[in-house]
Amino acid sequence: MAGKSRQRGISLLTLIFVLAVLGGIGAVGMQTFPSFLEYQAALKAINKAKNEATVQAVRTSFDRYADVDNISSIRGKDLEVTKNGDQVVVGFNYQKEFHLFGPAWLLLKYTGTSHPGR
């Protein structure tokens, strides 16, 4: 006599729950991924703009790069331009809010600083 074999796998309810969780993560990812790409573009822009001679030139240069790369969360006037020895250091801080559902919001804080010596 063959013994009863035990069934394996997941139930329909578990599958629906897993798909709902993955869908929620995907929805949040679809909202936040463009913001992350914008942050990366802003980092590249400050690393290019830091080579200018004056603070105003750095800010103007960043605004030109921002227009090309479609950076809208930060402008040249928002940059923190300092000197570290003979190196110009450019930095920024900004926040992005994303409405999730009902009273729930997601807040992302972005901070960036130019790389010295590049």
C-alpha atoms as a PDB file:
ATOM      1  CA  MET A   1       0.000   0.000   0.000  1.00  0.00           C
ATOM      2  CA  ALA A   2       1.208   3.391  -0.926  1.00  0.00           C
ATOM      3  CA  GLY A   3       1.034   6.032   1.799  1.00  0.00           C
ATOM      4  CA  LYS A   4      -0.719   9.310   1.310  1.00  0.00           C
ATOM      5  CA  SER A   5       1.597  11.854  -0.216  1.00  0.00           C
ATOM      6  CA  ARG A   6       1.610  15.231   1.361  1.00  0.00           C
ATOM      7  CA  GLN A   7       0.718  18.181  -0.874  1.00  0.00           C
ATOM      8  CA  ARG A   8       3.269  20.933  -1.215  1.00  0.00           C
ATOM      9  CA  GLY A   9       3.023  24.547  -2.305  1.00  0.00           C
ATOM     10  CA  ILE A  10       1.359  27.716  -1.151  1.00  0.00           C
ATOM     11  CA  SER A  11      -2.280  28.415  -0.700  1.00  0.00           C
ATOM     12  CA  LEU A  12      -4.237  30.880  -2.825  1.00  0.00           C
ATOM     13  CA  LEU A  13      -4.555  33.255   0.135  1.00  0.00           C
ATOM     14  CA  THR A  14      -0.784  33.259   0.664  1.00  0.00           C
ATOM     15  CA  LEU A  15      -0.211  33.910  -3.033  1.00  0.00           C
ATOM     16  CA  ILE A  16      -2.617  36.871  -2.986  1.00  0.00           C
ATOM     17  CA  PHE A  17      -0.926  38.287   0.126  1.00  0.00           C
ATOM     18  CA  VAL A  18       2.573  37.966  -1.385  1.00  0.00           C
ATOM     19  CA  LEU A  19       1.419  39.589  -4.648  1.00  0.00           C
ATOM     20  CA  ALA A  20      -0.208  42.462  -2.721  1.00  0.00           C
ATOM     21  CA  VAL A  21       2.990  43.101  -0.746  1.00  0.00           C
ATOM     22  CA  LEU A  22       5.111  42.978  -3.917  1.00  0.00           C
ATOM     23  CA  GLY A  23       2.638  45.302  -5.649  1.00  0.00           C
ATOM     24  CA  GLY A  24       2.879  47.803  -2.790  1.00  0.00           C
ATOM     25  CA  ILE A  25       6.673  47.716  -2.866  1.00  0.00           C
ATOM     26  CA  GLY A  26       6.589  48.134  -6.642  1.00  0.00           C
ATOM     27  CA  ALA A  27       4.238  51.118  -6.409  1.00  0.00           C
ATOM     28  CA  VAL A  28       6.498  52.864  -3.887  1.00  0.00           C
ATOM     29  CA  GLY A  29       9.537  52.032  -6.029  1.00  0.00           C
ATOM     30  CA  MET A  30       7.913  53.495  -9.128  1.00  0.00           C
ATOM     31  CA  GLN A  31       7.323  56.768  -7.269  1.00  0.00           C
ATOM     32  CA  THR A  32      10.768  57.025  -5.676  1.00  0.00           C
ATOM     33  CA  PHE A  33      13.073  55.734  -8.432  1.00  0.00           C
ATOM     34  CA  PRO A  34      12.882  58.929 -10.558  1.00  0.00           C
ATOM     35  CA  SER A  35      13.759  60.915  -7.425  1.00  0.00           C
ATOM     36  CA  PHE A  36      16.859  58.758  -6.921  1.00  0.00           C
ATOM     37  CA  LEU A  37      17.895  59.297 -10.553  1.00  0.00           C
ATOM     38  CA  GLU A  38      17.480  63.052 -10.062  1.00  0.00           C
ATOM     39  CA  TYR A  39      19.711  62.853  -6.963  1.00  0.00           C
ATOM     40  CA  GLN A  40      22.398  61.047  -8.965  1.00  0.00           C
ATOM     41  CA  ALA A  41      22.195  63.721 -11.681  1.00  0.00           C
ATOM     42  CA  ALA A  42      22.538  66.456  -9.036  1.00  0.00           C
ATOM     43  CA  LEU A  43      25.687  64.787  -7.692  1.00  0.00           C
ATOM     44  CA  LYS A  44      27.200  64.741 -11.180  1.00  0.00           C
ATOM     45  CA  ALA A  45      26.219  68.373 -11.719  1.00  0.00           C
ATOM     46  CA  ILE A  46      27.891  69.630  -8.519  1.00  0.00           C
ATOM     47  CA  ASN A  47      31.057  67.696  -9.361  1.00  0.00           C
ATOM     48  CA  LYS A  48      31.179  69.467 -12.732  1.00  0.00           C
ATOM     49  CA  ALA A  49      30.197  72.890 -11.348  1.00  0.00           C
ATOM     50  CA  LYS A  50      32.788  72.930  -8.548  1.00  0.00           C
ATOM     51  CA  ASN A  51      35.544  73.725 -11.042  1.00  0.00           C
ATOM     52  CA  GLU A  52      34.276  77.299 -11.539  1.00  0.00           C
ATOM     53  CA  ALA A  53      36.177  80.268 -10.110  1.00  0.00           C
ATOM     54  CA  THR A  54      33.511  82.060  -8.039  1.00  0.00           C
ATOM     55  CA  VAL A  55      30.519  81.064  -5.933  1.00  0.00           C
ATOM     56  CA  GLN A  56      28.128  82.740  -8.384  1.00  0.00           C
ATOM     57  CA  ALA A  57      29.786  80.933 -11.306  1.00  0.00           C
ATOM     58  CA  VAL A  58      29.387  77.601  -9.498  1.00  0.00           C
ATOM     59  CA  ARG A  59      25.684  78.278  -8.966  1.00  0.00           C
ATOM     60  CA  THR A  60      25.145  79.430 -12.553  1.00  0.00           C
ATOM     61  CA  SER A  61      27.011  76.387 -13.880  1.00  0.00           C
ATOM     62  CA  PHE A  62      24.888  74.073 -11.708  1.00  0.00           C
ATOM     63  CA  ASP A  63      21.707  75.709 -13.034  1.00  0.00           C
ATOM     64  CA  ARG A  64      22.867  75.052 -16.614  1.00  0.00           C
ATOM     65  CA  TYR A  65      23.516  71.379 -15.822  1.00  0.00           C
ATOM     66  CA  ALA A  66      20.198  71.194 -13.940  1.00  0.00           C
ATOM     67  CA  ASP A  67      18.317  72.456 -16.991  1.00  0.00           C
ATOM     68  CA  VAL A  68      19.965  69.842 -19.212  1.00  0.00           C
ATOM     69  CA  ASP A  69      19.475  66.943 -16.756  1.00  0.00           C
ATOM     70  CA  ASN A  70      15.949  67.993 -15.711  1.00  0.00           C
ATOM     71  CA  ILE A  71      16.830  68.564 -12.051  1.00  0.00           C
ATOM     72  CA  SER A  72      13.910  70.404 -10.475  1.00  0.00           C
ATOM     73  CA  SER A  73      14.258  69.703  -6.729  1.00  0.00           C
ATOM     74  CA  ILE A  74      17.251  71.957  -6.180  1.00  0.00           C
ATOM     75  CA  ARG A  75      18.615  75.112  -7.822  1.00  0.00           C
ATOM     76  CA  GLY A  76      21.992  76.837  -7.767  1.00  0.00           C
ATOM     77  CA  LYS A  77      20.865  79.232  -5.040  1.00  0.00           C
ATOM     78  CA  ASP A  78      20.280  76.219  -2.729  1.00  0.00           C
ATOM     79  CA  LEU A  79      23.886  74.998  -2.960  1.00  0.00           C
ATOM     80  CA  GLU A  80      26.348  75.292  -0.080  1.00  0.00           C
ATOM     81  CA  VAL A  81      29.674  76.393  -1.567  1.00  0.00           C
ATOM     82  CA  THR A  82      32.715  76.335   0.731  1.00  0.00           C
ATOM     83  CA  LYS A  83      36.481  76.020   0.472  1.00  0.00           C
ATOM     84  CA  ASN A  84      38.535  73.253   2.027  1.00  0.00           C
ATOM     85  CA  GLY A  85      42.106  74.448   1.674  1.00  0.00           C
ATOM     86  CA  ASP A  86      42.455  75.258  -2.005  1.00  0.00           C
ATOM     87  CA  GLN A  87      39.577  72.948  -3.044  1.00  0.00           C
ATOM     88  CA  VAL A  88      36.025  74.158  -3.678  1.00  0.00           C
ATOM     89  CA  VAL A  89      33.440  71.923  -1.990  1.00  0.00           C
ATOM     90  CA  VAL A  90      29.845  72.079  -3.167  1.00  0.00           C
ATOM     91  CA  GLY A  91      27.035  70.459  -1.209  1.00  0.00           C
ATOM     92  CA  PHE A  92      23.266  70.300  -1.017  1.00  0.00           C
ATOM     93  CA  ASN A  93      20.464  69.053   1.228  1.00  0.00           C
ATOM     94  CA  TYR A  94      16.848  68.609   0.239  1.00  0.00           C
ATOM     95  CA  GLN A  95      13.792  66.503   0.979  1.00  0.00           C
ATOM     96  CA  LYS A  96      11.172  64.847  -1.219  1.00  0.00           C
ATOM     97  CA  GLU A  97       7.751  63.769   0.061  1.00  0.00           C
ATOM     98  CA  PHE A  98       5.624  61.089  -1.559  1.00  0.00           C
ATOM     99  CA  HIS A  99       1.997  60.494  -0.674  1.00  0.00           C
ATOM    100  CA  LEU A 100       1.390  56.777  -0.203  1.00  0.00           C
ATOM    101  CA  PHE A 101      -2.240  56.456   0.916  1.00  0.00           C
ATOM    102  CA  GLY A 102      -4.574  58.142   3.383  1.00  0.00           C
ATOM    103  CA  PRO A 103      -2.479  59.883   6.030  1.00  0.00           C
ATOM    104  CA  ALA A 104       0.719  57.961   5.096  1.00  0.00           C
ATOM    105  CA  TRP A 105       3.633  59.801   3.492  1.00  0.00           C
ATOM    106  CA  LEU A 106       7.173  58.759   2.624  1.00  0.00           C
ATOM    107  CA  LEU A 107       9.924  61.341   3.270  1.00  0.00           C
ATOM    108  CA  LEU A 108      13.304  60.945   1.569  1.00  0.00           C
ATOM    109  CA  LYS A 109      16.189  63.166   2.654  1.00  0.00           C
ATOM    110  CA  TYR A 110      18.964  63.695   0.132  1.00  0.00           C
ATOM    111  CA  THR A 111      22.430  65.024   0.991  1.00  0.00           C
ATOM    112  CA  GLY A 112      25.301  65.337  -1.431  1.00  0.00           C
ATOM    113  CA  THR A 113      28.830  66.739  -1.469  1.00  0.00           C
ATOM    114  CA  SER A 114      31.271  67.110  -4.349  1.00  0.00           C
ATOM    115  CA  HIS A 115      34.333  64.894  -4.421  1.00  0.00           C
ATOM    116  CA  PRO A 116      37.585  66.716  -3.725  1.00  0.00           C
ATOM    117  CA  GLY A 117      40.341  66.500  -6.294  1.00  0.00           C
ATOM    118  CA  ARG A 118      38.238  65.325  -9.249  1.00  0.00           C
END
